[in-house]
PDB file of all heavy atoms in Angstrom:
ATOM      1  N   PHE A   1     -50.160  36.685 -31.518  1.00  0.00           N
ATOM      2  CA  PHE A   1     -50.538  35.485 -32.258  1.00  0.00           C
ATOM      3  C   PHE A   1     -49.448  34.435 -32.347  1.00  0.00           C
ATOM      4  O   PHE A   1     -49.723  33.248 -32.454  1.00  0.00           O
ATOM      5  CB  PHE A   1     -50.928  35.872 -33.714  1.00  0.00           C
ATOM      6  CG  PHE A   1     -51.900  37.023 -33.743  1.00  0.00           C
ATOM      7  CD1 PHE A   1     -51.447  38.298 -34.117  1.00  0.00           C
ATOM      8  CD2 PHE A   1     -53.217  36.854 -33.401  1.00  0.00           C
ATOM      9  CE1 PHE A   1     -52.322  39.359 -34.155  1.00  0.00           C
ATOM     10  CE2 PHE A   1     -54.108  37.930 -33.438  1.00  0.00           C
ATOM     11  CZ  PHE A   1     -53.646  39.205 -33.809  1.00  0.00           C
ATOM     12  N   VAL A   2     -48.201  34.893 -32.303  1.00  0.00           N
ATOM     13  CA  VAL A   2     -47.036  33.986 -32.468  1.00  0.00           C
ATOM     14  C   VAL A   2     -46.027  34.352 -31.364  1.00  0.00           C
ATOM     15  O   VAL A   2     -45.701  35.502 -31.181  1.00  0.00           O
ATOM     16  CB  VAL A   2     -46.404  34.190 -33.849  1.00  0.00           C
ATOM     17  CG1 VAL A   2     -45.174  33.318 -34.026  1.00  0.00           C
ATOM     18  CG2 VAL A   2     -47.384  33.936 -34.962  1.00  0.00           C
ATOM     19  N   ARG A   3     -45.530  33.312 -30.681  1.00  0.00           N
ATOM     20  CA  ARG A   3     -44.598  33.586 -29.570  1.00  0.00           C
ATOM     21  C   ARG A   3     -43.202  33.969 -30.082  1.00  0.00           C
ATOM     22  O   ARG A   3     -42.451  34.609 -29.380  1.00  0.00           O
ATOM     23  CB  ARG A   3     -44.499  32.367 -28.672  1.00  0.00           C
ATOM     24  CG  ARG A   3     -45.795  32.051 -27.976  1.00  0.00           C
ATOM     25  CD  ARG A   3     -45.665  31.034 -26.869  1.00  0.00           C
ATOM     26  NE  ARG A   3     -44.999  29.793 -27.246  1.00  0.00           N
ATOM     27  CZ  ARG A   3     -45.639  28.698 -27.690  1.00  0.00           C
ATOM     28  NH1 ARG A   3     -46.936  28.702 -27.900  1.00  0.00           N
ATOM     29  NH2 ARG A   3     -44.927  27.606 -27.945  1.00  0.00           N
ATOM     30  N   HIS A   4     -42.866  33.587 -31.306  1.00  0.00           N
ATOM     31  CA  HIS A   4     -41.517  33.837 -31.836  1.00  0.00           C
ATOM     32  C   HIS A   4     -41.561  34.386 -33.253  1.00  0.00           C
ATOM     33  O   HIS A   4     -41.063  33.764 -34.193  1.00  0.00           O
ATOM     34  CB  HIS A   4     -40.704  32.546 -31.791  1.00  0.00           C
ATOM     35  CG  HIS A   4     -40.607  31.959 -30.430  1.00  0.00           C
ATOM     36  ND1 HIS A   4     -39.750  32.419 -29.451  1.00  0.00           N
ATOM     37  CD2 HIS A   4     -41.299  30.954 -29.852  1.00  0.00           C
ATOM     38  CE1 HIS A   4     -39.903  31.714 -28.359  1.00  0.00           C
ATOM     39  NE2 HIS A   4     -40.847  30.805 -28.550  1.00  0.00           N
ATOM     40  N   PRO A   5     -42.118  35.585 -33.455  1.00  0.00           N
ATOM     41  CA  PRO A   5     -42.196  36.121 -34.828  1.00  0.00           C
ATOM     42  C   PRO A   5     -40.853  36.415 -35.434  1.00  0.00           C
ATOM     43  O   PRO A   5     -40.694  36.297 -36.649  1.00  0.00           O
ATOM     44  CB  PRO A   5     -43.047  37.408 -34.662  1.00  0.00           C
ATOM     45  CG  PRO A   5     -43.026  37.723 -33.223  1.00  0.00           C
ATOM     46  CD  PRO A   5     -42.790  36.451 -32.474  1.00  0.00           C
ATOM     47  N   LEU A   6     -39.853  36.744 -34.630  1.00  0.00           N
ATOM     48  CA  LEU A   6     -38.506  36.954 -35.172  1.00  0.00           C
ATOM     49  C   LEU A   6     -37.998  35.668 -35.837  1.00  0.00           C
ATOM     50  O   LEU A   6     -37.502  35.702 -36.983  1.00  0.00           O
ATOM     51  CB  LEU A   6     -37.532  37.385 -34.055  1.00  0.00           C
ATOM     52  CG  LEU A   6     -36.055  37.467 -34.413  1.00  0.00           C
ATOM     53  CD1 LEU A   6     -35.791  38.449 -35.535  1.00  0.00           C
ATOM     54  CD2 LEU A   6     -35.251  37.828 -33.187  1.00  0.00           C
ATOM     55  N   MET A   7     -38.174  34.560 -35.175  1.00  0.00           N
ATOM     56  CA  MET A   7     -37.741  33.276 -35.733  1.00  0.00           C
ATOM     57  C   MET A   7     -38.600  32.879 -36.920  1.00  0.00           C
ATOM     58  O   MET A   7     -38.102  32.310 -37.894  1.00  0.00           O
ATOM     59  CB  MET A   7     -37.779  32.178 -34.661  1.00  0.00           C
ATOM     60  CG  MET A   7     -36.901  32.467 -33.483  1.00  0.00           C
ATOM     61  SD  MET A   7     -35.204  32.836 -33.957  1.00  0.00           S
ATOM     62  CE  MET A   7     -34.570  33.480 -32.467  1.00  0.00           C
ATOM     63  N   LEU A   8     -39.874  33.192 -36.867  1.00  0.00           N
ATOM     64  CA  LEU A   8     -40.755  32.923 -38.023  1.00  0.00           C
ATOM     65  C   LEU A   8     -40.247  33.690 -39.233  1.00  0.00           C
ATOM     66  O   LEU A   8     -40.131  33.119 -40.331  1.00  0.00           O
ATOM     67  CB  LEU A   8     -42.190  33.324 -37.703  1.00  0.00           C
ATOM     68  CG  LEU A   8     -43.169  33.300 -38.881  1.00  0.00           C
ATOM     69  CD1 LEU A   8     -43.327  31.910 -39.455  1.00  0.00           C
ATOM     70  CD2 LEU A   8     -44.505  33.873 -38.454  1.00  0.00           C
ATOM     71  N   GLY A   9     -39.940  34.965 -39.061  1.00  0.00           N
ATOM     72  CA  GLY A   9     -39.431  35.758 -40.173  1.00  0.00           C
ATOM     73  C   GLY A   9     -38.149  35.218 -40.742  1.00  0.00           C
ATOM     74  O   GLY A   9     -37.954  35.143 -41.962  1.00  0.00           O
ATOM     75  N   LEU A  10     -37.228  34.802 -39.875  1.00  0.00           N
ATOM     76  CA  LEU A  10     -35.965  34.221 -40.349  1.00  0.00           C
ATOM     77  C   LEU A  10     -36.191  32.922 -41.102  1.00  0.00           C
ATOM     78  O   LEU A  10     -35.589  32.693 -42.153  1.00  0.00           O
ATOM     79  CB  LEU A  10     -35.003  33.981 -39.171  1.00  0.00           C
ATOM     80  CG  LEU A  10     -34.456  35.247 -38.483  1.00  0.00           C
ATOM     81  CD1 LEU A  10     -33.645  34.868 -37.249  1.00  0.00           C
ATOM     82  CD2 LEU A  10     -33.654  36.079 -39.454  1.00  0.00           C
ATOM     83  N   LEU A  11     -37.070  32.055 -40.601  1.00  0.00           N
ATOM     84  CA  LEU A  11     -37.357  30.806 -41.288  1.00  0.00           C
ATOM     85  C   LEU A  11     -37.945  31.059 -42.686  1.00  0.00           C
ATOM     86  O   LEU A  11     -37.561  30.424 -43.668  1.00  0.00           O
ATOM     87  CB  LEU A  11     -38.307  29.928 -40.465  1.00  0.00           C
ATOM     88  CG  LEU A  11     -37.663  29.308 -39.235  1.00  0.00           C
ATOM     89  CD1 LEU A  11     -38.749  28.668 -38.358  1.00  0.00           C
ATOM     90  CD2 LEU A  11     -36.612  28.278 -39.621  1.00  0.00           C
ATOM     91  N   ILE A  12     -38.877  32.001 -42.768  1.00  0.00           N
ATOM     92  CA  ILE A  12     -39.420  32.368 -44.076  1.00  0.00           C
ATOM     93  C   ILE A  12     -38.331  32.844 -45.010  1.00  0.00           C
ATOM     94  O   ILE A  12     -38.222  32.418 -46.162  1.00  0.00           O
ATOM     95  CB  ILE A  12     -40.532  33.420 -43.944  1.00  0.00           C
ATOM     96  CG1 ILE A  12     -41.765  32.849 -43.220  1.00  0.00           C
ATOM     97  CG2 ILE A  12     -40.940  33.976 -45.300  1.00  0.00           C
ATOM     98  CD1 ILE A  12     -42.797  33.864 -42.811  1.00  0.00           C
ATOM     99  N   ALA A  13     -37.471  33.749 -44.509  1.00  0.00           N
ATOM    100  CA  ALA A  13     -36.397  34.302 -45.341  1.00  0.00           C
ATOM    101  C   ALA A  13     -35.406  33.244 -45.789  1.00  0.00           C
ATOM    102  O   ALA A  13     -34.926  33.286 -46.931  1.00  0.00           O
ATOM    103  CB  ALA A  13     -35.674  35.414 -44.577  1.00  0.00           C
ATOM    104  N   PHE A  14     -35.105  32.278 -44.939  1.00  0.00           N
ATOM    105  CA  PHE A  14     -34.124  31.264 -45.271  1.00  0.00           C
ATOM    106  C   PHE A  14     -34.658  30.230 -46.296  1.00  0.00           C
ATOM    107  O   PHE A  14     -33.904  29.670 -47.073  1.00  0.00           O
ATOM    108  CB  PHE A  14     -33.638  30.513 -44.033  1.00  0.00           C
ATOM    109  CG  PHE A  14     -32.884  31.367 -43.059  1.00  0.00           C
ATOM    110  CD1 PHE A  14     -32.787  31.003 -41.741  1.00  0.00           C
ATOM    111  CD2 PHE A  14     -32.289  32.571 -43.452  1.00  0.00           C
ATOM    112  CE1 PHE A  14     -32.099  31.790 -40.817  1.00  0.00           C
ATOM    113  CE2 PHE A  14     -31.589  33.353 -42.554  1.00  0.00           C
ATOM    114  CZ  PHE A  14     -31.491  32.965 -41.225  1.00  0.00           C
ATOM    115  N   TRP A  15     -35.971  29.967 -46.252  1.00  0.00           N
ATOM    116  CA  TRP A  15     -36.545  28.933 -47.104  1.00  0.00           C
ATOM    117  C   TRP A  15     -37.221  29.455 -48.365  1.00  0.00           C
ATOM    118  O   TRP A  15     -37.387  28.723 -49.333  1.00  0.00           O
ATOM    119  CB  TRP A  15     -37.521  28.066 -46.296  1.00  0.00           C
ATOM    120  CG  TRP A  15     -36.802  27.154 -45.373  1.00  0.00           C
ATOM    121  CD1 TRP A  15     -36.552  27.386 -44.037  1.00  0.00           C
ATOM    122  CD2 TRP A  15     -36.175  25.918 -45.672  1.00  0.00           C
ATOM    123  NE1 TRP A  15     -35.824  26.338 -43.505  1.00  0.00           N
ATOM    124  CE2 TRP A  15     -35.594  25.423 -44.495  1.00  0.00           C
ATOM    125  CE3 TRP A  15     -36.089  25.144 -46.840  1.00  0.00           C
ATOM    126  CZ2 TRP A  15     -34.922  24.210 -44.443  1.00  0.00           C
ATOM    127  CZ3 TRP A  15     -35.400  23.945 -46.781  1.00  0.00           C
ATOM    128  CH2 TRP A  15     -34.842  23.482 -45.603  1.00  0.00           C
ATOM    129  N   ALA A  16     -37.673  30.707 -48.391  1.00  0.00           N
ATOM    130  CA  ALA A  16     -38.381  31.239 -49.545  1.00  0.00           C
ATOM    131  C   ALA A  16     -37.384  31.696 -50.609  1.00  0.00           C
ATOM    132  O   ALA A  16     -36.865  32.797 -50.552  1.00  0.00           O
ATOM    133  CB  ALA A  16     -39.293  32.387 -49.137  1.00  0.00           C
ATOM    134  N   THR A  17     -37.112  30.821 -51.527  1.00  0.00           N
ATOM    135  CA  THR A  17     -36.184  31.160 -52.599  1.00  0.00           C
ATOM    136  C   THR A  17     -36.607  30.457 -53.878  1.00  0.00           C
ATOM    137  O   THR A  17     -37.008  29.297 -53.863  1.00  0.00           O
ATOM    138  CB  THR A  17     -34.727  30.748 -52.228  1.00  0.00           C
ATOM    139  OG1 THR A  17     -33.878  31.063 -53.338  1.00  0.00           O
ATOM    140  CG2 THR A  17     -34.608  29.276 -51.901  1.00  0.00           C
ATOM    141  N   PRO A  18     -36.527  31.178 -55.002  1.00  0.00           N
ATOM    142  CA  PRO A  18     -36.821  30.513 -56.274  1.00  0.00           C
ATOM    143  C   PRO A  18     -35.696  29.594 -56.745  1.00  0.00           C
ATOM    144  O   PRO A  18     -35.894  28.753 -57.599  1.00  0.00           O
ATOM    145  CB  PRO A  18     -37.019  31.681 -57.222  1.00  0.00           C
ATOM    146  CG  PRO A  18     -36.295  32.816 -56.613  1.00  0.00           C
ATOM    147  CD  PRO A  18     -36.292  32.599 -55.156  1.00  0.00           C
ATOM    148  N   ASP A  19     -34.515  29.773 -56.143  1.00  0.00           N
ATOM    149  CA  ASP A  19     -33.331  28.965 -56.550  1.00  0.00           C
ATOM    150  C   ASP A  19     -32.674  28.380 -55.316  1.00  0.00           C
ATOM    151  O   ASP A  19     -31.930  29.061 -54.628  1.00  0.00           O
ATOM    152  CB  ASP A  19     -32.318  29.841 -57.307  1.00  0.00           C
ATOM    153  CG  ASP A  19     -32.959  30.485 -58.522  1.00  0.00           C
ATOM    154  OD1 ASP A  19     -33.426  29.773 -59.405  1.00  0.00           O
ATOM    155  OD2 ASP A  19     -32.964  31.728 -58.565  1.00  0.00           O
ATOM    156  N   MET A  20     -32.951  27.108 -55.017  1.00  0.00           N
ATOM    157  CA  MET A  20     -32.416  26.448 -53.822  1.00  0.00           C
ATOM    158  C   MET A  20     -31.195  25.630 -54.215  1.00  0.00           C
ATOM    159  O   MET A  20     -31.300  24.512 -54.765  1.00  0.00           O
ATOM    160  CB  MET A  20     -33.465  25.545 -53.190  1.00  0.00           C
ATOM    161  CG  MET A  20     -32.977  24.817 -51.949  1.00  0.00           C
ATOM    162  SD  MET A  20     -32.533  25.882 -50.578  1.00  0.00           S
ATOM    163  CE  MET A  20     -34.119  26.216 -49.832  1.00  0.00           C
ATOM    164  N   SER A  21     -30.004  26.179 -53.949  1.00  0.00           N
ATOM    165  CA  SER A  21     -28.763  25.431 -54.173  1.00  0.00           C
ATOM    166  C   SER A  21     -28.545  24.484 -53.010  1.00  0.00           C
ATOM    167  O   SER A  21     -29.156  24.626 -51.952  1.00  0.00           O
ATOM    168  CB  SER A  21     -27.588  26.389 -54.334  1.00  0.00           C
ATOM    169  OG  SER A  21     -27.301  26.996 -53.073  1.00  0.00           O
ATOM    170  N   TYR A  22     -27.617  23.533 -53.191  1.00  0.00           N
ATOM    171  CA  TYR A  22     -27.304  22.635 -52.100  1.00  0.00           C
ATOM    172  C   TYR A  22     -26.675  23.395 -50.939  1.00  0.00           C
ATOM    173  O   TYR A  22     -26.909  23.055 -49.760  1.00  0.00           O
ATOM    174  CB  TYR A  22     -26.431  21.484 -52.581  1.00  0.00           C
ATOM    175  CG  TYR A  22     -27.131  20.552 -53.530  1.00  0.00           C
ATOM    176  CD1 TYR A  22     -26.585  20.238 -54.772  1.00  0.00           C
ATOM    177  CD2 TYR A  22     -28.343  19.968 -53.168  1.00  0.00           C
ATOM    178  CE1 TYR A  22     -27.248  19.383 -55.630  1.00  0.00           C
ATOM    179  CE2 TYR A  22     -29.026  19.125 -54.030  1.00  0.00           C
ATOM    180  CZ  TYR A  22     -28.452  18.830 -55.261  1.00  0.00           C
ATOM    181  OH  TYR A  22     -29.124  17.980 -56.130  1.00  0.00           O
ATOM    182  N   GLY A  23     -25.881  24.414 -51.246  1.00  0.00           N
ATOM    183  CA  GLY A  23     -25.311  25.211 -50.183  1.00  0.00           C
ATOM    184  C   GLY A  23     -26.363  25.978 -49.399  1.00  0.00           C
ATOM    185  O   GLY A  23     -26.319  26.034 -48.177  1.00  0.00           O
ATOM    186  N   HIS A  24     -27.332  26.551 -50.102  1.00  0.00           N
ATOM    187  CA  HIS A  24     -28.451  27.259 -49.466  1.00  0.00           C
ATOM    188  C   HIS A  24     -29.255  26.275 -48.619  1.00  0.00           C
ATOM    189  O   HIS A  24     -29.665  26.581 -47.491  1.00  0.00           O
ATOM    190  CB  HIS A  24     -29.307  27.905 -50.516  1.00  0.00           C
ATOM    191  CG  HIS A  24     -30.367  28.816 -49.970  1.00  0.00           C
ATOM    192  ND1 HIS A  24     -30.822  29.927 -50.630  1.00  0.00           N
ATOM    193  CD2 HIS A  24     -31.115  28.770 -48.853  1.00  0.00           C
ATOM    194  CE1 HIS A  24     -31.749  30.526 -49.912  1.00  0.00           C
ATOM    195  NE2 HIS A  24     -31.968  29.820 -48.840  1.00  0.00           N
ATOM    196  N   LEU A  25     -29.490  25.077 -49.147  1.00  0.00           N
ATOM    197  CA  LEU A  25     -30.218  24.054 -48.430  1.00  0.00           C
ATOM    198  C   LEU A  25     -29.522  23.696 -47.128  1.00  0.00           C
ATOM    199  O   LEU A  25     -30.129  23.618 -46.060  1.00  0.00           O
ATOM    200  CB  LEU A  25     -30.417  22.812 -49.275  1.00  0.00           C
ATOM    201  CG  LEU A  25     -31.083  21.616 -48.580  1.00  0.00           C
ATOM    202  CD1 LEU A  25     -32.523  21.936 -48.193  1.00  0.00           C
ATOM    203  CD2 LEU A  25     -31.007  20.389 -49.467  1.00  0.00           C
ATOM    204  N   LEU A  26     -28.191  23.515 -47.213  1.00  0.00           N
ATOM    205  CA  LEU A  26     -27.423  23.185 -46.008  1.00  0.00           C
ATOM    206  C   LEU A  26     -27.511  24.304 -44.980  1.00  0.00           C
ATOM    207  O   LEU A  26     -27.744  24.045 -43.789  1.00  0.00           O
ATOM    208  CB  LEU A  26     -25.972  22.949 -46.402  1.00  0.00           C
ATOM    209  CG  LEU A  26     -25.034  22.505 -45.288  1.00  0.00           C
ATOM    210  CD1 LEU A  26     -25.497  21.216 -44.655  1.00  0.00           C
ATOM    211  CD2 LEU A  26     -23.611  22.364 -45.842  1.00  0.00           C
ATOM    212  N   PHE A  27     -27.397  25.535 -45.429  1.00  0.00           N
ATOM    213  CA  PHE A  27     -27.533  26.680 -44.525  1.00  0.00           C
ATOM    214  C   PHE A  27     -28.906  26.731 -43.905  1.00  0.00           C
ATOM    215  O   PHE A  27     -29.058  26.913 -42.708  1.00  0.00           O
ATOM    216  CB  PHE A  27     -27.233  27.985 -45.287  1.00  0.00           C
ATOM    217  CG  PHE A  27     -27.420  29.210 -44.477  1.00  0.00           C
ATOM    218  CD1 PHE A  27     -26.443  29.650 -43.601  1.00  0.00           C
ATOM    219  CD2 PHE A  27     -28.602  29.951 -44.548  1.00  0.00           C
ATOM    220  CE1 PHE A  27     -26.612  30.783 -42.820  1.00  0.00           C
ATOM    221  CE2 PHE A  27     -28.789  31.081 -43.781  1.00  0.00           C
ATOM    222  CZ  PHE A  27     -27.799  31.492 -42.906  1.00  0.00           C
ATOM    223  N   ALA A  28     -29.940  26.548 -44.730  1.00  0.00           N
ATOM    224  CA  ALA A  28     -31.329  26.613 -44.222  1.00  0.00           C
ATOM    225  C   ALA A  28     -31.599  25.512 -43.219  1.00  0.00           C
ATOM    226  O   ALA A  28     -32.238  25.737 -42.202  1.00  0.00           O
ATOM    227  CB  ALA A  28     -32.309  26.557 -45.404  1.00  0.00           C
ATOM    228  N   LEU A  29     -31.108  24.309 -43.490  1.00  0.00           N
ATOM    229  CA  LEU A  29     -31.303  23.177 -42.561  1.00  0.00           C
ATOM    230  C   LEU A  29     -30.579  23.442 -41.242  1.00  0.00           C
ATOM    231  O   LEU A  29     -31.145  23.251 -40.163  1.00  0.00           O
ATOM    232  CB  LEU A  29     -30.814  21.876 -43.178  1.00  0.00           C
ATOM    233  CG  LEU A  29     -31.688  21.298 -44.262  1.00  0.00           C
ATOM    234  CD1 LEU A  29     -30.955  20.140 -44.947  1.00  0.00           C
ATOM    235  CD2 LEU A  29     -33.011  20.820 -43.713  1.00  0.00           C
ATOM    236  N   ALA A  30     -29.328  23.899 -41.319  1.00  0.00           N
ATOM    237  CA  ALA A  30     -28.524  24.142 -40.102  1.00  0.00           C
ATOM    238  C   ALA A  30     -29.158  25.241 -39.257  1.00  0.00           C
ATOM    239  O   ALA A  30     -29.309  25.113 -38.026  1.00  0.00           O
ATOM    240  CB  ALA A  30     -27.091  24.530 -40.457  1.00  0.00           C
ATOM    241  N   THR A  31     -29.577  26.351 -39.883  1.00  0.00           N
ATOM    242  CA  THR A  31     -30.156  27.446 -39.112  1.00  0.00           C
ATOM    243  C   THR A  31     -31.544  27.087 -38.590  1.00  0.00           C
ATOM    244  O   THR A  31     -31.911  27.518 -37.509  1.00  0.00           O
ATOM    245  CB  THR A  31     -30.209  28.750 -39.950  1.00  0.00           C
ATOM    246  OG1 THR A  31     -30.881  28.495 -41.171  1.00  0.00           O
ATOM    247  CG2 THR A  31     -28.816  29.300 -40.204  1.00  0.00           C
ATOM    248  N   THR A  32     -32.285  26.278 -39.317  1.00  0.00           N
ATOM    249  CA  THR A  32     -33.584  25.833 -38.838  1.00  0.00           C
ATOM    250  C   THR A  32     -33.408  24.975 -37.588  1.00  0.00           C
ATOM    251  O   THR A  32     -34.137  25.171 -36.598  1.00  0.00           O
ATOM    252  CB  THR A  32     -34.349  25.066 -39.931  1.00  0.00           C
ATOM    253  OG1 THR A  32     -34.569  25.935 -41.059  1.00  0.00           O
ATOM    254  CG2 THR A  32     -35.660  24.514 -39.431  1.00  0.00           C
TER     255      THR A  32
END
């Protein structure tokens, strides 16, 4: 169904957070 499920899982893990700090945001943007 998805050509890159590993990357999908990482994107979900990096962005799904109840507490998004600016540092976490920077990390999530860079890795995305």
